Amino acid sequence: MHTLLDARHLIEVRETPGKGLGIFAKENISRGTRIVAERPLLTVNILPSHCVDVQTPFNNLPLPAQKAYLGLHGYASNTLKKDNDWNSLSALTRKILAIYAANHWGRDVFWLASRFNHSCIPNLHNAYNPNIKMETFHSIRDIKAGDELTVSYVSGICARQERQEQLNKWGFQCRCPACENTSSGIQLESKLARLAILNQRVNMLITDKQKLDIYQTMVALMHSIGLVGKCLHQW
């Protein structure tokens, strides 16, 4: 359903080779456009033991919302199976947990935003907006009609090997522009690797002047790569 709070009328969900469903631009989208503003389909409970209760919130959903949730892609990593005594669970419970593991943002699972695929050089930035009580997704550069809209699943700034290790949680190997074994991909990865080194080095510096010099170098590198959303925001 279209809402005046976002510009989802400019996008469509469709199949993308090797990645299942993805979200694509139907028209040119300008930088800074709020593409999606969405409330959670499901929010988990955090138990006193710090475990996550997904089953109870799912059971409390109306049937149409349960059907929408079960239509999302799920992936059960070896860690998820080990932590949840997998063989003792029903098929439905396994599916509920696998969907949550593959799609949650913090404690929340979103129906539309779950269709955004990963890129190490994403063209969207997401953040919670307390004024409208929604998770929002904004374009961080101009996007052409037909381009896929992507977010980053990876935590922090890191080189390719560490990024791929993090992405094992979702069961895929990234093939975004920074992970391709092409001349342009190698150039992008060299900048990301340098960023990772600088990120480690800055924590060992003492004076503010030294840190500022490193941060300025990192910001320039991020801009040259196109990391101007969440990654740049933390500096």
Foldseek 3Di string as FASTA:
>chain_A
DDDPVFACVQKDWDQDPPPGIFIFGQAKDAAFGWNDWFDFLFFWDQDPVRDTHQPVRLVPHPPVSNVLLLPADFDQAPVNCVVPVNVVDDPVVVSSSRSCLQADDVRGGHRVVSRAAADPQFQWAWDQDPVVRTIIIGGRHIDGGGDTGHDHPDPAQAAQVVSQVVCVSNPDRDDHLCPPPDPSNVVLRVLSHVLVVLVVVLVVDDDPVVNVVSLVVNVVSCVVNNVPHPRNVVD
